[in-house]
N, C-alpha and C. Protein backbone atom coordinates (compact mmCIF):
# COMPACT_ATOMS: atom_id res chain seq x y z
N MET A 1 11.77 -54.85 99.96
CA MET A 1 12.90 -55.44 99.15
C MET A 1 12.04 -56.88 98.36
N ILE A 2 13.02 -56.88 97.26
CA ILE A 2 13.06 -57.98 96.63
C ILE A 2 13.25 -59.07 96.62
N SER A 3 12.68 -60.58 96.88
CA SER A 3 13.25 -61.68 97.33
C SER A 3 14.53 -61.64 96.51
N GLY A 4 15.55 -62.60 96.83
CA GLY A 4 16.81 -63.22 95.96
C GLY A 4 16.41 -63.60 94.76
N GLU A 5 15.59 -64.75 94.98
CA GLU A 5 15.28 -65.08 93.24
C GLU A 5 14.70 -64.48 92.33
N LYS A 6 13.72 -63.15 92.80
CA LYS A 6 13.36 -62.82 91.68
C LYS A 6 14.34 -61.88 91.37
N PHE A 7 15.18 -61.15 92.28
CA PHE A 7 16.02 -60.41 91.60
C PHE A 7 17.48 -60.90 90.70
N GLU A 8 17.60 -62.56 90.97
CA GLU A 8 18.54 -63.15 89.76
C GLU A 8 17.86 -63.22 88.41
N ASN A 9 16.29 -62.78 88.50
CA ASN A 9 15.97 -62.62 86.99
C ASN A 9 15.55 -61.38 86.66
N LYS A 10 16.39 -60.43 87.19
CA LYS A 10 15.63 -59.11 86.75
C LYS A 10 17.47 -58.64 86.09
N THR A 11 17.05 -57.88 85.15
CA THR A 11 18.38 -57.47 84.36
C THR A 11 18.84 -56.11 85.11
N ASP A 12 19.79 -55.53 84.79
CA ASP A 12 20.66 -54.08 85.41
C ASP A 12 19.47 -53.04 85.35
N GLU A 13 18.91 -53.26 84.49
CA GLU A 13 17.87 -51.90 83.89
C GLU A 13 16.11 -51.88 84.83
N GLU A 14 15.98 -52.87 85.19
CA GLU A 14 14.82 -53.58 85.59
C GLU A 14 15.05 -52.81 86.74
N LEU A 15 16.26 -53.23 87.70
CA LEU A 15 16.53 -53.19 88.93
C LEU A 15 16.67 -51.52 89.14
N VAL A 16 16.84 -50.43 88.53
CA VAL A 16 16.78 -49.18 88.98
C VAL A 16 15.66 -48.89 89.24
N PRO A 17 14.39 -49.21 88.50
CA PRO A 17 13.43 -48.50 89.16
C PRO A 17 13.06 -49.53 90.70
N LEU A 18 13.13 -50.73 90.79
CA LEU A 18 13.11 -51.37 91.96
C LEU A 18 14.11 -50.44 93.20
N ILE A 19 15.14 -49.90 92.74
CA ILE A 19 15.82 -49.44 93.67
C ILE A 19 15.58 -47.93 94.15
N LEU A 20 15.19 -47.43 92.97
CA LEU A 20 14.48 -45.91 93.22
C LEU A 20 13.55 -45.83 93.92
N ARG A 21 12.84 -47.07 94.64
CA ARG A 21 11.60 -47.01 95.03
C ARG A 21 11.76 -47.74 96.58
N ASN A 22 13.17 -48.64 96.42
CA ASN A 22 13.28 -48.96 97.93
C ASN A 22 15.15 -49.51 97.62
N GLN A 23 15.46 -47.92 98.34
CA GLN A 23 16.90 -47.80 98.58
C GLN A 23 17.85 -49.55 99.11
N ASP A 24 17.02 -50.19 100.01
CA ASP A 24 17.63 -51.52 100.18
C ASP A 24 17.91 -52.52 99.64
N ASN A 25 17.54 -52.35 98.08
CA ASN A 25 17.77 -53.38 96.41
C ASN A 25 18.54 -52.63 96.47
N PHE A 26 19.18 -51.59 96.12
CA PHE A 26 20.65 -51.30 96.04
C PHE A 26 21.76 -52.09 96.10
N LEU A 27 21.50 -53.08 97.62
CA LEU A 27 22.61 -53.91 97.98
C LEU A 27 22.99 -54.96 96.90
N TYR A 28 21.55 -55.37 96.33
CA TYR A 28 21.92 -56.52 95.20
C TYR A 28 22.49 -56.01 93.94
N LEU A 29 22.53 -54.74 93.48
CA LEU A 29 23.08 -54.45 92.29
C LEU A 29 24.80 -54.18 92.59
N MET A 30 24.73 -53.84 94.41
CA MET A 30 26.20 -53.99 94.45
C MET A 30 26.87 -55.17 94.57
N LYS A 31 26.12 -55.88 95.23
CA LYS A 31 26.74 -57.49 95.00
C LYS A 31 26.93 -58.01 93.49
N ARG A 32 26.24 -57.37 92.54
CA ARG A 32 26.10 -58.24 90.90
C ARG A 32 27.60 -57.78 90.39
N TYR A 33 27.87 -56.24 91.05
CA TYR A 33 29.15 -55.25 90.52
C TYR A 33 30.47 -55.40 91.00
N GLU A 34 30.28 -55.45 92.54
CA GLU A 34 31.54 -55.72 93.49
C GLU A 34 32.55 -56.10 92.84
N GLU A 35 32.65 -57.57 92.91
CA GLU A 35 33.75 -58.40 92.32
C GLU A 35 34.53 -57.63 90.83
N ARG A 36 33.48 -58.01 89.88
CA ARG A 36 33.90 -57.36 88.58
C ARG A 36 34.63 -55.80 88.54
N LEU A 37 34.13 -55.18 89.41
CA LEU A 37 34.61 -53.53 89.39
C LEU A 37 35.97 -53.37 90.44
N MET A 38 35.86 -54.41 91.06
CA MET A 38 37.40 -54.72 91.97
C MET A 38 38.64 -55.12 90.96
N ARG A 39 37.87 -55.67 90.36
CA ARG A 39 39.09 -56.43 89.04
C ARG A 39 39.63 -55.36 88.57
N TYR A 40 38.60 -54.85 87.71
CA TYR A 40 38.46 -53.24 86.87
C TYR A 40 39.14 -52.31 87.05
N ILE A 41 39.26 -51.86 88.52
CA ILE A 41 39.96 -50.91 89.11
C ILE A 41 41.10 -51.25 89.15
N GLY A 42 41.86 -52.41 89.96
CA GLY A 42 42.79 -53.20 90.08
C GLY A 42 43.76 -53.22 89.07
N ARG A 43 43.02 -53.58 87.68
CA ARG A 43 43.64 -53.81 86.88
C ARG A 43 44.00 -52.19 85.66
N ILE A 44 43.35 -51.74 85.96
CA ILE A 44 43.73 -50.11 85.17
C ILE A 44 44.50 -49.17 86.14
N SER A 45 44.55 -49.26 87.25
CA SER A 45 45.06 -48.71 88.24
C SER A 45 46.27 -48.90 88.74
N GLY A 46 46.80 -49.96 88.92
CA GLY A 46 47.76 -50.81 89.34
C GLY A 46 47.80 -50.27 91.00
N LEU A 47 46.69 -50.68 92.03
CA LEU A 47 46.30 -50.31 93.16
C LEU A 47 46.42 -50.96 93.81
N GLY A 48 46.74 -50.91 95.46
CA GLY A 48 46.40 -52.20 95.83
C GLY A 48 44.79 -52.50 96.67
N LYS A 49 44.98 -53.73 97.34
CA LYS A 49 43.67 -54.00 97.41
C LYS A 49 42.64 -53.04 98.44
N GLU A 50 43.60 -51.83 99.51
CA GLU A 50 42.70 -51.20 100.04
C GLU A 50 42.30 -49.99 99.21
N ASP A 51 43.54 -49.45 98.26
CA ASP A 51 42.65 -48.04 97.66
C ASP A 51 41.88 -48.53 96.69
N THR A 52 41.95 -49.74 96.18
CA THR A 52 40.94 -49.92 95.22
C THR A 52 39.45 -50.56 95.89
N GLU A 53 39.39 -50.86 97.23
CA GLU A 53 38.32 -50.65 97.76
C GLU A 53 38.01 -49.47 97.91
N ASP A 54 38.56 -48.96 98.34
CA ASP A 54 38.11 -47.36 98.70
C ASP A 54 37.62 -46.44 97.44
N ILE A 55 38.03 -46.71 96.69
CA ILE A 55 37.85 -46.38 94.68
C ILE A 55 36.23 -47.04 95.16
N LEU A 56 36.25 -48.40 94.93
CA LEU A 56 35.06 -48.86 94.80
C LEU A 56 33.77 -48.22 95.78
N GLN A 57 34.11 -48.05 96.78
CA GLN A 57 33.28 -47.37 97.82
C GLN A 57 32.75 -46.22 96.97
N ASP A 58 33.66 -45.29 96.64
CA ASP A 58 33.52 -44.28 96.11
C ASP A 58 32.16 -44.18 94.62
N VAL A 59 32.56 -45.20 93.79
CA VAL A 59 32.04 -45.79 92.84
C VAL A 59 30.37 -45.93 93.22
N PHE A 60 30.27 -46.72 94.32
CA PHE A 60 29.24 -46.88 94.23
C PHE A 60 28.41 -45.74 95.30
N ILE A 61 28.67 -45.06 95.85
CA ILE A 61 28.34 -43.91 96.60
C ILE A 61 27.62 -43.04 95.27
N LYS A 62 28.83 -42.62 94.12
CA LYS A 62 28.04 -42.39 92.81
C LYS A 62 27.29 -42.43 91.88
N VAL A 63 26.85 -43.57 91.87
CA VAL A 63 26.44 -44.52 91.05
C VAL A 63 24.81 -44.43 92.17
N TYR A 64 24.47 -44.70 93.16
CA TYR A 64 24.00 -44.48 94.16
C TYR A 64 23.14 -43.07 93.85
N GLN A 65 23.60 -41.70 93.93
CA GLN A 65 23.63 -40.54 94.10
C GLN A 65 23.01 -40.36 92.60
N ASN A 66 23.76 -40.69 91.51
CA ASN A 66 23.07 -40.19 90.25
C ASN A 66 22.49 -41.46 89.56
N LEU A 67 21.42 -42.24 90.19
CA LEU A 67 20.93 -43.37 89.80
C LEU A 67 19.67 -42.63 88.73
N ASN A 68 19.11 -41.74 89.14
CA ASN A 68 17.83 -41.25 88.80
C ASN A 68 18.18 -40.59 87.67
N ASP A 69 19.60 -40.11 87.16
CA ASP A 69 20.13 -39.74 86.19
C ASP A 69 20.75 -40.52 85.05
N PHE A 70 20.51 -41.95 85.58
CA PHE A 70 20.97 -43.14 84.42
C PHE A 70 19.92 -42.83 83.45
N ASP A 71 20.73 -43.01 82.16
CA ASP A 71 20.55 -42.74 80.83
C ASP A 71 20.14 -44.27 79.94
N THR A 72 18.59 -44.58 80.10
CA THR A 72 18.25 -45.66 79.53
C THR A 72 18.26 -46.28 78.39
N SER A 73 18.96 -45.06 77.27
CA SER A 73 19.58 -45.85 76.33
C SER A 73 20.81 -46.04 76.29
N LEU A 74 21.49 -46.37 76.93
CA LEU A 74 22.78 -46.65 77.34
C LEU A 74 22.55 -48.17 78.27
N LYS A 75 24.00 -48.84 78.26
CA LYS A 75 23.31 -50.23 79.12
C LYS A 75 24.09 -49.94 80.45
N PHE A 76 23.30 -50.32 81.26
CA PHE A 76 23.77 -50.15 82.89
C PHE A 76 25.25 -50.41 83.30
N SER A 77 25.57 -51.23 82.78
CA SER A 77 27.07 -52.21 82.95
C SER A 77 27.65 -50.88 81.94
N SER A 78 27.91 -50.51 81.32
CA SER A 78 28.94 -49.25 80.46
C SER A 78 28.72 -47.65 81.13
N TRP A 79 27.52 -47.72 81.88
CA TRP A 79 27.15 -46.58 82.44
C TRP A 79 28.24 -46.54 84.11
N ILE A 80 27.92 -47.89 84.28
CA ILE A 80 28.61 -48.16 85.71
C ILE A 80 30.37 -47.91 85.67
N TYR A 81 30.77 -48.95 84.75
CA TYR A 81 31.90 -48.73 84.14
C TYR A 81 32.43 -47.25 83.72
N ARG A 82 32.12 -46.66 83.14
CA ARG A 82 32.31 -45.22 83.08
C ARG A 82 32.70 -44.46 84.57
N ILE A 83 31.45 -44.46 85.45
CA ILE A 83 31.78 -43.85 86.49
C ILE A 83 33.05 -44.62 87.62
N THR A 84 33.14 -45.85 86.94
CA THR A 84 34.39 -46.41 87.77
C THR A 84 35.63 -45.69 86.74
N HIS A 85 35.70 -45.45 85.64
CA HIS A 85 36.78 -44.97 84.69
C HIS A 85 36.79 -43.90 85.74
N ASN A 86 36.01 -42.63 85.67
CA ASN A 86 36.12 -41.80 85.78
C ASN A 86 36.65 -41.45 87.50
N GLU A 87 36.39 -42.26 88.44
CA GLU A 87 36.77 -42.21 89.90
C GLU A 87 38.17 -42.62 89.89
N VAL A 88 38.75 -43.73 88.84
CA VAL A 88 39.99 -43.77 88.72
C VAL A 88 40.87 -42.76 88.57
N ILE A 89 40.08 -42.29 87.79
CA ILE A 89 41.33 -40.97 87.12
C ILE A 89 40.99 -39.77 88.02
N SER A 90 39.97 -39.77 88.76
CA SER A 90 39.95 -38.43 89.98
C SER A 90 41.06 -39.05 90.98
N ASN A 91 41.12 -40.71 91.14
CA ASN A 91 41.82 -40.50 92.19
C ASN A 91 42.97 -40.65 91.92
N TYR A 92 43.54 -40.68 90.89
CA TYR A 92 45.19 -40.92 90.18
C TYR A 92 45.10 -39.50 90.53
N ARG A 93 45.00 -38.73 90.36
CA ARG A 93 45.20 -37.08 90.34
C ARG A 93 45.41 -36.62 91.43
N LYS A 94 44.56 -37.02 92.54
CA LYS A 94 44.97 -37.35 94.28
C LYS A 94 46.05 -37.59 94.39
N LEU A 95 46.37 -38.73 93.81
CA LEU A 95 47.58 -39.95 94.48
C LEU A 95 48.78 -39.77 93.84
N LYS A 96 48.90 -38.86 92.80
CA LYS A 96 49.57 -38.90 91.50
C LYS A 96 51.30 -39.00 92.59
N SER A 97 51.37 -38.34 93.40
CA SER A 97 52.16 -38.22 94.11
C SER A 97 53.34 -39.60 94.95
N ARG A 98 52.08 -40.13 95.18
CA ARG A 98 52.58 -41.75 95.63
C ARG A 98 53.16 -42.55 94.70
N PRO A 99 53.84 -43.14 95.16
CA PRO A 99 54.54 -44.21 94.04
C PRO A 99 53.66 -45.31 93.78
N ALA A 100 53.37 -45.65 92.50
CA ALA A 100 52.48 -46.57 92.27
C ALA A 100 52.71 -47.75 92.14
N THR A 101 52.00 -48.95 92.84
CA THR A 101 52.71 -50.48 92.45
C THR A 101 51.43 -51.03 92.08
N VAL A 102 51.99 -52.24 90.98
CA VAL A 102 50.91 -52.88 90.78
C VAL A 102 50.41 -54.23 91.34
N SER A 103 49.31 -54.20 91.59
CA SER A 103 49.13 -55.95 92.20
C SER A 103 47.79 -56.70 91.73
N PHE A 104 48.26 -57.24 91.66
CA PHE A 104 47.15 -58.33 90.45
C PHE A 104 47.09 -59.62 91.41
N ASP A 105 47.29 -59.71 92.69
CA ASP A 105 47.80 -60.51 93.52
C ASP A 105 46.31 -61.23 93.53
N ASP A 106 45.27 -60.19 94.08
CA ASP A 106 43.87 -61.14 94.12
C ASP A 106 43.35 -61.13 92.98
N ASP A 107 43.60 -61.05 91.55
CA ASP A 107 43.01 -61.19 90.36
C ASP A 107 43.18 -62.62 89.98
N PRO A 108 42.85 -64.04 90.10
CA PRO A 108 42.72 -65.04 89.62
C PRO A 108 42.51 -65.07 88.35
N ALA A 109 41.33 -64.34 87.86
CA ALA A 109 40.92 -63.96 86.73
C ALA A 109 41.64 -63.87 85.99
N LEU A 110 43.06 -63.09 85.79
CA LEU A 110 44.35 -62.77 85.11
C LEU A 110 44.97 -63.78 84.90
N ALA A 111 44.88 -65.24 85.63
CA ALA A 111 45.62 -66.17 85.43
C ALA A 111 45.14 -67.10 84.38
N ASN A 112 43.76 -67.06 84.63
CA ASN A 112 42.73 -67.56 83.43
C ASN A 112 42.51 -67.49 81.89
N LYS A 113 42.76 -65.96 82.20
CA LYS A 113 42.68 -65.06 80.87
C LYS A 113 44.14 -65.02 80.40
N ALA A 114 45.27 -65.50 80.81
CA ALA A 114 46.25 -65.12 80.17
C ALA A 114 46.41 -65.65 78.59
N SER A 115 45.43 -66.06 78.01
CA SER A 115 45.32 -66.61 76.52
C SER A 115 44.89 -65.02 75.85
N PHE A 116 44.49 -64.11 76.41
CA PHE A 116 44.18 -63.29 76.14
C PHE A 116 45.05 -62.66 74.80
N VAL A 117 46.16 -62.73 75.31
CA VAL A 117 47.01 -62.04 74.30
C VAL A 117 47.50 -62.51 72.71
N ALA A 118 47.13 -64.26 72.98
CA ALA A 118 46.77 -64.61 71.84
C ALA A 118 45.74 -63.95 70.84
N ASP A 119 44.52 -63.76 71.53
CA ASP A 119 43.58 -63.30 70.61
C ASP A 119 43.76 -62.01 69.82
N PHE A 120 44.96 -61.23 70.51
CA PHE A 120 45.22 -60.06 69.64
C PHE A 120 46.74 -60.07 68.91
N THR A 121 47.46 -60.97 68.76
CA THR A 121 48.86 -61.47 68.26
C THR A 121 49.02 -62.95 68.47
N LYS A 122 49.46 -63.35 66.93
CA LYS A 122 49.55 -64.73 66.70
C LYS A 122 50.74 -65.15 67.12
N ASP A 123 52.10 -63.78 67.36
CA ASP A 123 53.41 -64.26 67.72
C ASP A 123 53.27 -64.68 69.26
N ILE A 124 52.37 -64.33 69.96
CA ILE A 124 52.43 -64.42 71.43
C ILE A 124 51.57 -65.82 71.83
N ASP A 125 52.39 -66.64 72.46
CA ASP A 125 51.64 -68.05 72.60
C ASP A 125 51.05 -67.54 73.87
N ARG A 126 49.77 -68.83 74.05
CA ARG A 126 48.85 -68.91 74.86
C ARG A 126 49.09 -69.08 75.99
N LYS A 127 50.44 -69.78 76.09
CA LYS A 127 50.79 -69.85 77.82
C LYS A 127 51.89 -68.77 78.25
N MET A 128 51.57 -67.90 77.96
CA MET A 128 51.95 -66.50 78.42
C MET A 128 51.61 -66.48 80.05
N SER A 129 52.49 -66.44 80.80
CA SER A 129 52.28 -66.48 82.00
C SER A 129 51.26 -64.93 82.73
N ALA A 130 50.56 -65.49 83.98
CA ALA A 130 49.94 -64.02 84.28
C ALA A 130 50.94 -62.78 84.55
N GLU A 131 52.14 -63.70 85.64
CA GLU A 131 52.95 -62.75 85.80
C GLU A 131 53.55 -61.83 84.81
N SER A 132 53.82 -62.45 83.53
CA SER A 132 54.50 -61.89 82.35
C SER A 132 53.28 -60.76 81.97
N ILE A 133 52.14 -60.81 82.03
CA ILE A 133 50.90 -60.22 81.60
C ILE A 133 51.04 -59.06 82.54
N LYS A 134 51.26 -59.28 83.73
CA LYS A 134 51.13 -58.40 84.45
C LYS A 134 52.42 -57.11 84.28
N LYS A 135 53.53 -57.90 84.20
CA LYS A 135 54.76 -57.15 83.57
C LYS A 135 54.74 -56.16 82.96
N VAL A 136 53.88 -56.55 81.76
CA VAL A 136 53.68 -55.58 80.70
C VAL A 136 52.87 -54.57 80.68
N LEU A 137 51.82 -55.05 81.21
CA LEU A 137 50.92 -53.76 81.59
C LEU A 137 51.21 -52.82 82.55
N ALA A 138 51.91 -52.82 83.47
CA ALA A 138 52.73 -52.11 84.05
C ALA A 138 53.30 -51.44 83.29
N LYS A 139 53.71 -51.68 82.50
CA LYS A 139 54.93 -50.55 81.62
C LYS A 139 54.27 -49.92 80.52
N MET A 140 53.01 -50.32 80.29
CA MET A 140 52.00 -49.71 78.99
C MET A 140 51.66 -48.70 79.35
N ASP A 141 51.25 -47.36 78.52
CA ASP A 141 51.14 -46.66 78.65
C ASP A 141 49.22 -46.48 79.04
N ALA A 142 48.87 -45.81 80.03
CA ALA A 142 47.71 -45.83 80.46
C ALA A 142 46.72 -46.12 79.10
N LYS A 143 46.60 -45.12 78.64
CA LYS A 143 45.62 -45.17 77.80
C LYS A 143 45.47 -46.40 76.72
N TYR A 144 46.33 -47.12 76.71
CA TYR A 144 46.79 -48.46 75.98
C TYR A 144 46.03 -49.74 76.98
N LYS A 145 46.93 -49.64 78.04
CA LYS A 145 46.51 -50.57 79.01
C LYS A 145 44.81 -50.79 79.41
N GLU A 146 43.82 -49.61 79.35
CA GLU A 146 42.97 -49.23 79.87
C GLU A 146 41.94 -50.11 78.79
N VAL A 147 42.76 -49.51 77.41
CA VAL A 147 41.23 -50.34 76.56
C VAL A 147 41.69 -52.00 75.93
N LEU A 148 42.71 -52.08 76.62
CA LEU A 148 43.22 -53.67 76.40
C LEU A 148 42.78 -54.65 77.92
N VAL A 149 42.37 -53.61 78.68
CA VAL A 149 41.96 -54.40 79.91
C VAL A 149 40.35 -54.25 79.50
N LEU A 150 39.83 -53.41 79.17
CA LEU A 150 38.34 -53.77 79.22
C LEU A 150 38.00 -54.17 78.12
N ARG A 151 38.54 -54.28 76.78
CA ARG A 151 38.41 -55.62 75.52
C ARG A 151 38.97 -56.97 76.01
N PHE A 152 39.90 -57.11 76.13
CA PHE A 152 40.19 -58.85 76.75
C PHE A 152 40.28 -59.32 78.33
N LEU A 153 39.64 -58.32 78.87
CA LEU A 153 39.96 -58.87 80.35
C LEU A 153 38.41 -58.63 80.81
N GLU A 154 38.15 -57.75 80.59
CA GLU A 154 36.69 -57.41 80.72
C GLU A 154 35.80 -57.87 79.86
N GLU A 155 36.19 -58.11 78.93
CA GLU A 155 35.24 -58.57 77.78
C GLU A 155 34.17 -57.94 77.13
N LYS A 156 34.49 -56.52 77.27
CA LYS A 156 33.64 -55.20 76.57
C LYS A 156 33.62 -54.89 75.49
N ASP A 157 32.42 -55.34 74.06
CA ASP A 157 32.48 -54.81 72.94
C ASP A 157 33.34 -53.11 72.76
N TYR A 158 33.32 -53.26 71.35
CA TYR A 158 33.77 -51.65 71.20
C TYR A 158 32.91 -50.56 71.52
N THR A 159 31.65 -50.80 71.39
CA THR A 159 30.60 -49.51 71.71
C THR A 159 30.62 -49.61 72.80
N GLU A 160 30.57 -50.66 74.15
CA GLU A 160 30.56 -50.51 75.55
C GLU A 160 31.73 -49.47 75.64
N ILE A 161 32.79 -49.82 75.03
CA ILE A 161 34.28 -48.95 75.63
C ILE A 161 34.38 -47.69 75.23
N SER A 162 33.21 -47.36 73.95
CA SER A 162 33.26 -46.10 73.67
C SER A 162 32.17 -45.51 74.21
N ASP A 163 31.30 -46.06 75.00
CA ASP A 163 30.31 -45.49 75.97
C ASP A 163 31.06 -45.02 77.49
N ILE A 164 32.06 -46.36 77.83
CA ILE A 164 32.81 -45.92 79.16
C ILE A 164 33.97 -45.16 78.98
N LEU A 165 34.54 -45.28 78.04
CA LEU A 165 35.60 -43.76 77.67
C LEU A 165 35.14 -42.54 76.90
N ARG A 166 34.06 -42.69 76.69
CA ARG A 166 33.57 -41.18 75.76
C ARG A 166 34.40 -40.87 74.74
N LYS A 167 34.69 -41.71 73.97
CA LYS A 167 35.59 -41.78 72.96
C LYS A 167 34.67 -42.49 71.45
N PRO A 168 34.70 -42.14 70.51
CA PRO A 168 34.00 -42.80 69.12
C PRO A 168 34.90 -43.77 69.13
N VAL A 169 33.48 -44.69 68.78
CA VAL A 169 34.33 -46.31 68.29
C VAL A 169 35.52 -46.62 67.40
N GLY A 170 35.73 -45.80 66.78
CA GLY A 170 36.87 -45.94 65.82
C GLY A 170 38.27 -45.36 66.26
N THR A 171 38.08 -44.13 67.19
CA THR A 171 39.14 -44.41 68.00
C THR A 171 39.91 -45.74 69.44
N ILE A 172 38.44 -46.17 69.42
CA ILE A 172 38.82 -47.11 70.73
C ILE A 172 39.63 -47.96 69.49
N GLY A 173 38.84 -48.67 68.47
CA GLY A 173 39.54 -49.58 67.34
C GLY A 173 41.29 -49.11 66.84
N ALA A 174 41.18 -47.58 67.21
CA ALA A 174 42.43 -47.22 66.82
C ALA A 174 43.13 -47.54 68.03
N LEU A 175 43.23 -47.36 69.42
CA LEU A 175 43.57 -47.07 70.45
C LEU A 175 43.96 -48.99 70.95
N ILE A 176 42.97 -49.65 70.58
CA ILE A 176 43.05 -51.23 70.55
C ILE A 176 44.38 -51.38 69.74
N ASN A 177 44.45 -51.19 68.44
CA ASN A 177 45.72 -51.92 67.73
C ASN A 177 47.04 -51.17 68.06
N ARG A 178 46.90 -50.02 68.39
CA ARG A 178 48.26 -49.36 68.73
C ARG A 178 48.83 -50.44 70.32
N GLY A 179 47.68 -50.67 71.08
CA GLY A 179 47.92 -51.11 72.33
C GLY A 179 48.55 -52.78 72.58
N LYS A 180 47.94 -53.15 71.43
CA LYS A 180 48.22 -54.48 70.98
C LYS A 180 50.06 -54.34 70.69
N LYS A 181 50.29 -53.20 69.53
CA LYS A 181 51.42 -53.19 69.27
C LYS A 181 52.54 -53.06 70.39
N GLN A 182 51.50 -51.80 71.28
CA GLN A 182 52.50 -51.98 72.27
C GLN A 182 52.90 -53.01 73.34
N PHE A 183 51.88 -53.47 73.80
CA PHE A 183 51.84 -54.68 74.34
C PHE A 183 53.15 -55.74 73.58
N LYS A 184 53.06 -56.12 72.69
CA LYS A 184 54.02 -57.01 71.89
C LYS A 184 55.22 -56.40 72.16
N LYS A 185 55.50 -55.14 71.78
CA LYS A 185 56.88 -54.80 71.88
C LYS A 185 57.43 -54.78 73.10
N ILE A 186 56.80 -54.24 74.07
CA ILE A 186 57.28 -54.29 75.66
C ILE A 186 57.83 -55.77 76.31
N ALA A 187 56.53 -56.81 75.48
CA ALA A 187 57.02 -57.85 75.98
C ALA A 187 58.25 -58.54 75.69
N GLU A 188 58.43 -58.23 73.71
CA GLU A 188 59.55 -58.59 73.39
C GLU A 188 60.96 -57.74 73.82
N ARG A 189 60.71 -56.88 74.16
CA ARG A 189 61.93 -56.17 74.51
C ARG A 189 62.31 -56.32 76.55
N GLU A 190 61.10 -56.84 77.17
CA GLU A 190 61.62 -57.32 78.25
C GLU A 190 61.72 -58.55 78.23
N LYS A 191 61.93 -59.46 76.86
CA LYS A 191 62.05 -60.82 76.75
C LYS A 191 61.62 -61.83 77.58
N LEU A 192 59.96 -61.36 77.78
CA LEU A 192 59.05 -62.42 78.60
C LEU A 192 58.89 -63.33 77.89
N ALA A 193 58.84 -64.89 78.37
CA ALA A 193 58.38 -66.08 77.91
C ALA A 193 57.21 -65.75 77.01
N PHE A 194 57.13 -66.31 75.74
CA PHE A 194 55.88 -66.25 74.82
C PHE A 194 55.70 -67.66 75.03
């Protein structure tokens, strides 16, 4: 197993061969992504903490099982987010008969990033509350919510989002623009504080 100090200096791509040589090193990669992926799953699925943790566990199992197939021409973060995206969709299909509830209670980053709204429209005040953002996201079409979460909350660039969702960059741009419009329309309709 590599030492924690050496691990900190390794890129994800450098860790992959170390994990393939010694499976104990996978724990470092899990720790690196656990919190980020938990937030991402919660944001795009609206599931509670337990369901989110279950999906995350499935994600890490899939990552471990498919590590040999990692395409080094892609960023590792894009690859793991794509696996996560696919697991959320798969889980949604299994659970679609269950009523969905949106839970951002364990997402302090959402409150800190409330200003992401101002990044895509000048009409929305930077002080829009996290609760207001949560309400709007819960009412958005999934395809728009996901690209907005990836772009503004997960801070992924268009190319990474394209890799994650397996859609052309131009389509990602169009989805983001439409998502911004839908976000604003819902916020105005709901008369949420701007």
